Every structure is written in C-alpha cells, then in structure tokens.
Amino acid sequence: MTRLELEARRLSAIPDLQGDVLSAAAIAKRYGVSRVTVYRWQNAILANGEDGLKIHRAPGRPSRINDAQRAAICRLFRREGLKLPGTFPVEIFGNGERWQAREIASTKRRVYERLGRFSTADAAKFGVEQVFERRTEPWQLWATMQGVERLVTPYDVVSCGNGKWAALDAEDRTHILHGPLIDPKAKVPNAACGASVNAKCFISTKANVEPSCRECAEVWKREYRNK
C-alpha cells in the first residue's frame, strides 16, 4: 500500500477508534492490522486529534535539536567555496525538485541559495560536496520518530525512492516465537522481542533463517541457529 492508501485506512478507522463498540482486536481484524497498531492509532488521536493519523510533511521545519545534539551531528562541512567564515553542520532539506542546503548550528540558519535547487537528495549532497572544502563525516539520515528527532539507520527506515523514506515498525519485520519469553497472560503469543504482531510476521525456528527483527535475531542466534 502507498502512504496515501495507508493514511486513508487510518482515517477511515477513526469512527471505530473513537467509539466504544469494537474492541482493539475487532478493529485490528477489520482493518487488517495488529492490536499494537490500533493502540498506536488511538494514542495518536489522543495526542493530536485526527491530525495524528495524517501524513505529516514538514520540509523546512526549524530543527528542534539542542546544542549538545548539534555538536554530535556528523553532517559537518567546512564552508570555503562560498566564502563564508566558520565551520557549520549542514543539512539537506525539502523534496521533489526543491532540495536545498542550509546551516543547522547557527542562529541565522541561512539557506545556501547560490547552490541552487536539486531534483533529488543525492544530487543535493553531490552539489554541496563540490562547493565545500571537505566533508568531515559521512552523511547521516535524521528523522522525527515517535516525537523525537534522532539519527536513523537502515534498520529504522526504508527508502521509497526520490529521497523519500518510510519508518519501519514491528510488523515490517520477521519474528520468531520463543516459549520462555511468551507472556502467559497474552491472548495472542508475543514474539521473542516482546512485540505483538500478526501471525504472518512469524517464521519457523526450524527453518534456520535469521529473523529480521534485531531482538528476535539475538534469541535465534543463541537458541536456534544451526540446531
């Protein structure tokens, strides 16, 4: 499903999420998601109303990171090509044909307009690297996840192409069941990582295939690999 289709599904579930008729399990079955997802939707509504279930696009939003986090950001370039003094962390922002570069560690947060606009994030990164004296650290991907802006890795997100990324959750990974870690009070057995996921997310421990869930993989390596 596309992001717009996923958003439409979330929005169509609002009457059920706000009502008292259906249980979380019934809502999950109706919309083809897990109970965990239903709870996440309900929490989003409680926190932000119906807007909590909508797609949020905020290119150009001012950074909410503090000074200590800024000091740790590794998107650092020395600004020489455009003859401005100092060393600033630089970020690429925008989407489509509107990718640009700007400062993220100065009060002015100036946008480097003279670099022009770029059609993709990769083109923007290449353009910045041609102008700055040197790159001091590899490019990193940052995103706001669960209300916190942080560095993300390929484990957290998946590329949708054209510089767009989507967050991965528990049901986007494969899991295993491990008897000693199953909550005896749970109506549906939880994965070895503790997550409650759809049955289609589980793989057999007899298949000798490592699950993509990081926590489940640790249990698999310890208890099931090559056994």
C-alpha atoms as a PDB file:
ATOM      1  CA  MET A   1       0.000   0.000   0.000  1.00  0.00           C
ATOM      2  CA  THR A   2       1.141   3.553  -0.732  1.00  0.00           C
ATOM      3  CA  ARG A   3       1.473   6.161   2.009  1.00  0.00           C
ATOM      4  CA  LEU A   4      -1.753   7.804   0.820  1.00  0.00           C
ATOM      5  CA  GLU A   5      -3.576   4.470   0.953  1.00  0.00           C
ATOM      6  CA  LEU A   6      -2.228   3.816   4.445  1.00  0.00           C
ATOM      7  CA  GLU A   7      -3.370   7.277   5.516  1.00  0.00           C
ATOM      8  CA  ALA A   8      -6.830   6.649   4.041  1.00  0.00           C
ATOM      9  CA  ARG A   9      -7.058   3.397   6.015  1.00  0.00           C
ATOM     10  CA  ARG A  10      -6.107   5.145   9.240  1.00  0.00           C
ATOM     11  CA  LEU A  11      -8.618   7.937   8.687  1.00  0.00           C
ATOM     12  CA  SER A  12     -11.408   5.502   7.817  1.00  0.00           C
ATOM     13  CA  ALA A  13     -10.821   3.800  11.166  1.00  0.00           C
ATOM     14  CA  ILE A  14     -11.407   6.976  13.197  1.00  0.00           C
ATOM     15  CA  PRO A  15     -15.114   6.299  13.992  1.00  0.00           C
ATOM     16  CA  ASP A  16     -14.219   2.847  15.333  1.00  0.00           C
ATOM     17  CA  LEU A  17     -11.168   4.145  17.203  1.00  0.00           C
ATOM     18  CA  GLN A  18     -13.217   6.840  18.927  1.00  0.00           C
ATOM     19  CA  GLY A  19     -16.221   4.617  19.602  1.00  0.00           C
ATOM     20  CA  ASP A  20     -16.869   2.173  22.387  1.00  0.00           C
ATOM     21  CA  VAL A  21     -18.440  -0.592  20.306  1.00  0.00           C
ATOM     22  CA  LEU A  22     -15.498  -2.566  18.953  1.00  0.00           C
ATOM     23  CA  SER A  23     -12.551  -3.951  20.879  1.00  0.00           C
ATOM     24  CA  ALA A  24      -8.984  -3.345  19.752  1.00  0.00           C
ATOM     25  CA  ALA A  25      -8.850  -6.908  18.450  1.00  0.00           C
ATOM     26  CA  ALA A  26     -12.028  -6.382  16.395  1.00  0.00           C
ATOM     27  CA  ILE A  27     -10.725  -3.108  14.952  1.00  0.00           C
ATOM     28  CA  ALA A  28      -7.412  -4.747  14.117  1.00  0.00           C
ATOM     29  CA  LYS A  29      -9.209  -7.553  12.266  1.00  0.00           C
ATOM     30  CA  ARG A  30     -11.480  -5.131  10.387  1.00  0.00           C
ATOM     31  CA  TYR A  31      -8.580  -3.035   9.075  1.00  0.00           C
ATOM     32  CA  GLY A  32      -6.013  -5.799   8.680  1.00  0.00           C
ATOM     33  CA  VAL A  33      -3.535  -4.539  11.259  1.00  0.00           C
ATOM     34  CA  SER A  34      -2.228  -5.656  14.631  1.00  0.00           C
ATOM     35  CA  ARG A  35      -3.618  -4.625  18.006  1.00  0.00           C
ATOM     36  CA  VAL A  36      -0.370  -2.763  18.641  1.00  0.00           C
ATOM     37  CA  THR A  37      -1.070  -0.647  15.566  1.00  0.00           C
ATOM     38  CA  VAL A  38      -4.610   0.033  16.796  1.00  0.00           C
ATOM     39  CA  TYR A  39      -3.254   1.202  20.147  1.00  0.00           C
ATOM     40  CA  ARG A  40      -0.738   3.414  18.345  1.00  0.00           C
ATOM     41  CA  TRP A  41      -3.544   4.974  16.296  1.00  0.00           C
ATOM     42  CA  GLN A  42      -5.610   5.595  19.429  1.00  0.00           C
ATOM     43  CA  ASN A  43      -2.665   7.230  21.182  1.00  0.00           C
ATOM     44  CA  ALA A  44      -2.034   9.434  18.138  1.00  0.00           C
ATOM     45  CA  ILE A  45      -5.662  10.619  18.239  1.00  0.00           C
ATOM     46  CA  LEU A  46      -5.468  11.326  21.968  1.00  0.00           C
ATOM     47  CA  ALA A  47      -2.297  13.349  21.477  1.00  0.00           C
ATOM     48  CA  ASN A  48      -3.125  15.271  18.289  1.00  0.00           C
ATOM     49  CA  GLY A  49      -6.727  14.553  17.333  1.00  0.00           C
ATOM     50  CA  GLU A  50      -7.486  13.346  13.821  1.00  0.00           C
ATOM     51  CA  ASP A  51      -4.343  15.130  12.572  1.00  0.00           C
ATOM     52  CA  GLY A  52      -2.344  12.499  14.443  1.00  0.00           C
ATOM     53  CA  LEU A  53      -3.300   9.941  11.784  1.00  0.00           C
ATOM     54  CA  LYS A  54      -2.499  12.132   8.793  1.00  0.00           C
ATOM     55  CA  ILE A  55       0.712  12.155   6.782  1.00  0.00           C
ATOM     56  CA  HIS A  56       2.937  14.921   8.048  1.00  0.00           C
ATOM     57  CA  ARG A  57       5.220  16.682   5.637  1.00  0.00           C
ATOM     58  CA  ALA A  58       7.308  19.499   7.032  1.00  0.00           C
ATOM     59  CA  PRO A  59      10.172  20.400   4.675  1.00  0.00           C
ATOM     60  CA  GLY A  60      11.990  23.400   6.004  1.00  0.00           C
ATOM     61  CA  ARG A  61      10.830  22.954   9.616  1.00  0.00           C
ATOM     62  CA  PRO A  62      13.323  24.515  12.056  1.00  0.00           C
ATOM     63  CA  SER A  63      15.420  21.944  13.867  1.00  0.00           C
ATOM     64  CA  ARG A  64      14.332  21.066  17.408  1.00  0.00           C
ATOM     65  CA  ILE A  65      17.655  19.604  18.490  1.00  0.00           C
ATOM     66  CA  ASN A  66      19.593  21.179  21.339  1.00  0.00           C
ATOM     67  CA  ASP A  67      23.185  22.463  21.386  1.00  0.00           C
ATOM     68  CA  ALA A  68      24.590  19.159  22.674  1.00  0.00           C
ATOM     69  CA  GLN A  69      22.898  17.259  19.859  1.00  0.00           C
ATOM     70  CA  ARG A  70      24.112  19.786  17.311  1.00  0.00           C
ATOM     71  CA  ALA A  71      27.665  19.224  18.486  1.00  0.00           C
ATOM     72  CA  ALA A  72      27.275  15.494  17.873  1.00  0.00           C
ATOM     73  CA  ILE A  73      25.771  15.773  14.377  1.00  0.00           C
ATOM     74  CA  CYS A  74      28.169  14.474  11.777  1.00  0.00           C
ATOM     75  CA  ARG A  75      26.881  16.334   8.722  1.00  0.00           C
ATOM     76  CA  LEU A  76      29.801  18.765   9.014  1.00  0.00           C
ATOM     77  CA  PHE A  77      31.353  20.662   6.168  1.00  0.00           C
ATOM     78  CA  ARG A  78      33.913  23.460   6.072  1.00  0.00           C
ATOM     79  CA  ARG A  79      32.373  26.385   4.248  1.00  0.00           C
ATOM     80  CA  GLU A  80      35.009  27.684   1.844  1.00  0.00           C
ATOM     81  CA  GLY A  81      33.577  27.706  -1.670  1.00  0.00           C
ATOM     82  CA  LEU A  82      31.051  30.468  -0.992  1.00  0.00           C
ATOM     83  CA  LYS A  83      33.500  32.495   1.096  1.00  0.00           C
ATOM     84  CA  LEU A  84      31.577  32.494   4.377  1.00  0.00           C
ATOM     85  CA  PRO A  85      33.577  32.125   7.605  1.00  0.00           C
ATOM     86  CA  GLY A  86      33.417  29.300  10.111  1.00  0.00           C
ATOM     87  CA  THR A  87      32.523  25.633  10.222  1.00  0.00           C
ATOM     88  CA  PHE A  88      28.855  24.687  10.354  1.00  0.00           C
ATOM     89  CA  PRO A  89      26.859  21.469  10.273  1.00  0.00           C
ATOM     90  CA  VAL A  90      24.865  21.392   7.047  1.00  0.00           C
ATOM     91  CA  GLU A  91      21.607  19.625   6.245  1.00  0.00           C
ATOM     92  CA  ILE A  92      19.781  18.896   3.018  1.00  0.00           C
ATOM     93  CA  PHE A  93      16.063  19.625   3.251  1.00  0.00           C
ATOM     94  CA  GLY A  94      12.987  19.539   1.032  1.00  0.00           C
ATOM     95  CA  ASN A  95      11.679  17.043  -1.517  1.00  0.00           C
ATOM     96  CA  GLY A  96      10.992  16.655  -5.214  1.00  0.00           C
ATOM     97  CA  GLU A  97      12.762  19.452  -7.117  1.00  0.00           C
ATOM     98  CA  ARG A  98      13.121  21.611  -4.022  1.00  0.00           C
ATOM     99  CA  TRP A  99      16.112  20.052  -2.258  1.00  0.00           C
ATOM    100  CA  GLN A 100      18.459  22.688  -0.821  1.00  0.00           C
ATOM    101  CA  ALA A 101      21.176  23.017   1.814  1.00  0.00           C
ATOM    102  CA  ARG A 102      21.195  25.110   4.978  1.00  0.00           C
ATOM    103  CA  GLU A 103      23.029  25.599   8.256  1.00  0.00           C
ATOM    104  CA  ILE A 104      21.785  23.814  11.348  1.00  0.00           C
ATOM    105  CA  ALA A 105      24.214  25.053  14.013  1.00  0.00           C
ATOM    106  CA  SER A 106      23.988  28.822  13.697  1.00  0.00           C
ATOM    107  CA  THR A 107      21.345  31.273  14.836  1.00  0.00           C
ATOM    108  CA  LYS A 108      20.888  32.583  11.285  1.00  0.00           C
ATOM    109  CA  ARG A 109      20.269  29.123   9.769  1.00  0.00           C
ATOM    110  CA  ARG A 110      20.933  30.626   6.357  1.00  0.00           C
ATOM    111  CA  VAL A 111      19.909  28.711   3.247  1.00  0.00           C
ATOM    112  CA  TYR A 112      22.633  28.369   0.636  1.00  0.00           C
ATOM    113  CA  GLU A 113      20.598  29.793  -2.217  1.00  0.00           C
ATOM    114  CA  ARG A 114      23.588  30.158  -4.526  1.00  0.00           C
ATOM    115  CA  LEU A 115      23.881  26.391  -4.701  1.00  0.00           C
ATOM    116  CA  GLY A 116      20.511  26.338  -6.458  1.00  0.00           C
ATOM    117  CA  ARG A 117      17.801  23.703  -6.162  1.00  0.00           C
ATOM    118  CA  PHE A 118      18.180  19.973  -6.770  1.00  0.00           C
ATOM    119  CA  SER A 119      15.879  17.282  -8.083  1.00  0.00           C
ATOM    120  CA  THR A 120      16.987  14.587  -5.629  1.00  0.00           C
ATOM    121  CA  ALA A 121      18.672  14.335  -2.239  1.00  0.00           C
ATOM    122  CA  ASP A 122      21.681  12.600  -3.838  1.00  0.00           C
ATOM    123  CA  ALA A 123      22.091  15.455  -6.332  1.00  0.00           C
ATOM    124  CA  ALA A 124      21.889  17.953  -3.462  1.00  0.00           C
ATOM    125  CA  LYS A 125      24.571  16.103  -1.481  1.00  0.00           C
ATOM    126  CA  PHE A 126      26.822  15.949  -4.543  1.00  0.00           C
ATOM    127  CA  GLY A 127      26.328  19.670  -5.193  1.00  0.00           C
ATOM    128  CA  VAL A 128      27.221  20.576  -1.617  1.00  0.00           C
ATOM    129  CA  GLU A 129      30.319  18.377  -1.665  1.00  0.00           C
ATOM    130  CA  GLN A 130      31.580  20.143  -4.805  1.00  0.00           C
ATOM    131  CA  VAL A 131      31.413  23.538  -3.098  1.00  0.00           C
ATOM    132  CA  PHE A 132      32.646  22.836   0.418  1.00  0.00           C
ATOM    133  CA  GLU A 133      36.314  22.348   1.113  1.00  0.00           C
ATOM    134  CA  ARG A 134      35.882  18.884   2.570  1.00  0.00           C
ATOM    135  CA  ARG A 135      33.394  16.605   4.229  1.00  0.00           C
ATOM    136  CA  THR A 136      34.469  15.789   7.766  1.00  0.00           C
ATOM    137  CA  GLU A 137      31.984  12.971   8.418  1.00  0.00           C
ATOM    138  CA  PRO A 138      29.651  10.751   6.342  1.00  0.00           C
ATOM    139  CA  TRP A 139      26.154  11.980   5.545  1.00  0.00           C
ATOM    140  CA  GLN A 140      23.557  10.841   8.037  1.00  0.00           C
ATOM    141  CA  LEU A 141      19.778  10.485   7.858  1.00  0.00           C
ATOM    142  CA  TRP A 142      17.768  12.175  10.623  1.00  0.00           C
ATOM    143  CA  ALA A 143      14.026  11.963  11.161  1.00  0.00           C
ATOM    144  CA  THR A 144      11.356  12.657  13.757  1.00  0.00           C
ATOM    145  CA  MET A 145      10.261   9.276  15.085  1.00  0.00           C
ATOM    146  CA  GLN A 146       7.760   8.925  17.933  1.00  0.00           C
ATOM    147  CA  GLY A 147       8.034  12.666  18.505  1.00  0.00           C
ATOM    148  CA  VAL A 148      11.835  12.696  18.829  1.00  0.00           C
ATOM    149  CA  GLU A 149      14.271  13.913  16.185  1.00  0.00           C
ATOM    150  CA  ARG A 150      17.135  11.442  16.012  1.00  0.00           C
ATOM    151  CA  LEU A 151      19.650   9.735  13.774  1.00  0.00           C
ATOM    152  CA  VAL A 152      18.092   6.803  11.928  1.00  0.00           C
ATOM    153  CA  THR A 153      19.690   3.793  10.286  1.00  0.00           C
ATOM    154  CA  PRO A 154      18.658   1.355   7.521  1.00  0.00           C
ATOM    155  CA  TYR A 155      17.128  -0.743  10.323  1.00  0.00           C
ATOM    156  CA  ASP A 156      14.687   2.067  11.162  1.00  0.00           C
ATOM    157  CA  VAL A 157      13.550   3.161   7.704  1.00  0.00           C
ATOM    158  CA  VAL A 158      13.177   2.012   4.117  1.00  0.00           C
ATOM    159  CA  SER A 159      13.805   4.101   1.020  1.00  0.00           C
ATOM    160  CA  CYS A 160      10.727   4.860  -1.101  1.00  0.00           C
ATOM    161  CA  GLY A 161      12.847   6.446  -3.830  1.00  0.00           C
ATOM    162  CA  ASN A 162      13.426  10.097  -4.791  1.00  0.00           C
ATOM    163  CA  GLY A 163      14.785  10.923  -1.348  1.00  0.00           C
ATOM    164  CA  LYS A 164      11.647   9.790   0.477  1.00  0.00           C
ATOM    165  CA  TRP A 165      11.751   7.388   3.421  1.00  0.00           C
ATOM    166  CA  ALA A 166       9.182   5.472   5.436  1.00  0.00           C
ATOM    167  CA  ALA A 167       9.549   4.313   9.032  1.00  0.00           C
ATOM    168  CA  LEU A 168       9.541   0.577   9.724  1.00  0.00           C
ATOM    169  CA  ASP A 169       7.600  -0.875  12.628  1.00  0.00           C
ATOM    170  CA  ALA A 170       7.442  -4.329  14.216  1.00  0.00           C
ATOM    171  CA  GLU A 171       5.098  -5.735  11.567  1.00  0.00           C
ATOM    172  CA  ASP A 172       7.503  -4.822   8.792  1.00  0.00           C
ATOM    173  CA  ARG A 173       9.994  -7.348  10.168  1.00  0.00           C
ATOM    174  CA  THR A 174      10.076 -11.123  10.611  1.00  0.00           C
ATOM    175  CA  HIS A 175       9.963 -12.580  14.117  1.00  0.00           C
ATOM    176  CA  ILE A 176      10.151 -15.879  15.997  1.00  0.00           C
ATOM    177  CA  LEU A 177       8.294 -17.399  18.919  1.00  0.00           C
ATOM    178  CA  HIS A 178      10.331 -18.489  21.927  1.00  0.00           C
ATOM    179  CA  GLY A 179       8.429 -20.318  24.650  1.00  0.00           C
ATOM    180  CA  PRO A 180      10.202 -18.931  27.733  1.00  0.00           C
ATOM    181  CA  LEU A 181       9.577 -15.351  26.547  1.00  0.00           C
ATOM    182  CA  ILE A 182       5.861 -15.688  25.765  1.00  0.00           C
ATOM    183  CA  ASP A 183       3.620 -13.767  28.155  1.00  0.00           C
ATOM    184  CA  PRO A 184       1.280 -16.386  29.694  1.00  0.00           C
ATOM    185  CA  LYS A 185      -1.413 -13.723  30.101  1.00  0.00           C
ATOM    186  CA  ALA A 186      -1.387 -12.670  26.462  1.00  0.00           C
ATOM    187  CA  LYS A 187      -4.342 -13.783  24.329  1.00  0.00           C
ATOM    188  CA  VAL A 188      -2.074 -13.863  21.299  1.00  0.00           C
ATOM    189  CA  PRO A 189       1.512 -15.153  21.750  1.00  0.00           C
ATOM    190  CA  ASN A 190       4.059 -12.376  21.561  1.00  0.00           C
ATOM    191  CA  ALA A 191       7.291 -12.527  19.596  1.00  0.00           C
ATOM    192  CA  ALA A 192      10.614 -13.201  21.274  1.00  0.00           C
ATOM    193  CA  CYS A 193      11.243  -9.445  21.192  1.00  0.00           C
ATOM    194  CA  GLY A 194       8.027  -8.829  23.142  1.00  0.00           C
ATOM    195  CA  ALA A 195       6.066  -7.312  20.252  1.00  0.00           C
ATOM    196  CA  SER A 196       2.503  -8.368  19.444  1.00  0.00           C
ATOM    197  CA  VAL A 197       2.450  -8.858  15.683  1.00  0.00           C
ATOM    198  CA  ASN A 198       0.326 -10.500  13.029  1.00  0.00           C
ATOM    199  CA  ALA A 199       0.864 -14.252  12.599  1.00  0.00           C
ATOM    200  CA  LYS A 200       2.181 -13.660   9.069  1.00  0.00           C
ATOM    201  CA  CYS A 201       5.244 -11.967  10.605  1.00  0.00           C
ATOM    202  CA  PHE A 202       6.481 -15.173  12.250  1.00  0.00           C
ATOM    203  CA  ILE A 203       8.957 -17.596  10.696  1.00  0.00           C
ATOM    204  CA  SER A 204       9.662 -21.102  11.928  1.00  0.00           C
ATOM    205  CA  THR A 205      12.669 -21.611  14.163  1.00  0.00           C
ATOM    206  CA  LYS A 206      13.195 -24.916  12.320  1.00  0.00           C
ATOM    207  CA  ALA A 207      13.872 -23.136   9.036  1.00  0.00           C
ATOM    208  CA  ASN A 208      17.309 -21.953  10.207  1.00  0.00           C
ATOM    209  CA  VAL A 209      16.562 -18.485   8.816  1.00  0.00           C
ATOM    210  CA  GLU A 210      17.551 -15.427  10.824  1.00  0.00           C
ATOM    211  CA  PRO A 211      14.590 -13.116  11.582  1.00  0.00           C
ATOM    212  CA  SER A 212      14.960  -9.502  10.508  1.00  0.00           C
ATOM    213  CA  CYS A 213      13.868  -8.209  13.924  1.00  0.00           C
ATOM    214  CA  ARG A 214      17.076  -7.317  15.775  1.00  0.00           C
ATOM    215  CA  GLU A 215      15.928  -8.553  19.198  1.00  0.00           C
ATOM    216  CA  CYS A 216      14.427 -11.763  17.824  1.00  0.00           C
ATOM    217  CA  ALA A 217      17.638 -12.375  15.884  1.00  0.00           C
ATOM    218  CA  GLU A 218      19.637 -12.302  19.124  1.00  0.00           C
ATOM    219  CA  VAL A 219      17.393 -15.002  20.608  1.00  0.00           C
ATOM    220  CA  TRP A 220      17.548 -17.014  17.371  1.00  0.00           C
ATOM    221  CA  LYS A 221      21.358 -16.923  17.295  1.00  0.00           C
ATOM    222  CA  ARG A 222      21.557 -18.039  20.904  1.00  0.00           C
ATOM    223  CA  GLU A 223      18.848 -20.700  20.927  1.00  0.00           C
ATOM    224  CA  TYR A 224      18.157 -21.953  17.397  1.00  0.00           C
ATOM    225  CA  ARG A 225      20.907 -21.265  14.872  1.00  0.00           C
ATOM    226  CA  ASN A 226      22.229 -24.470  13.341  1.00  0.00           C
ATOM    227  CA  LYS A 227      20.320 -26.598  15.872  1.00  0.00           C
END
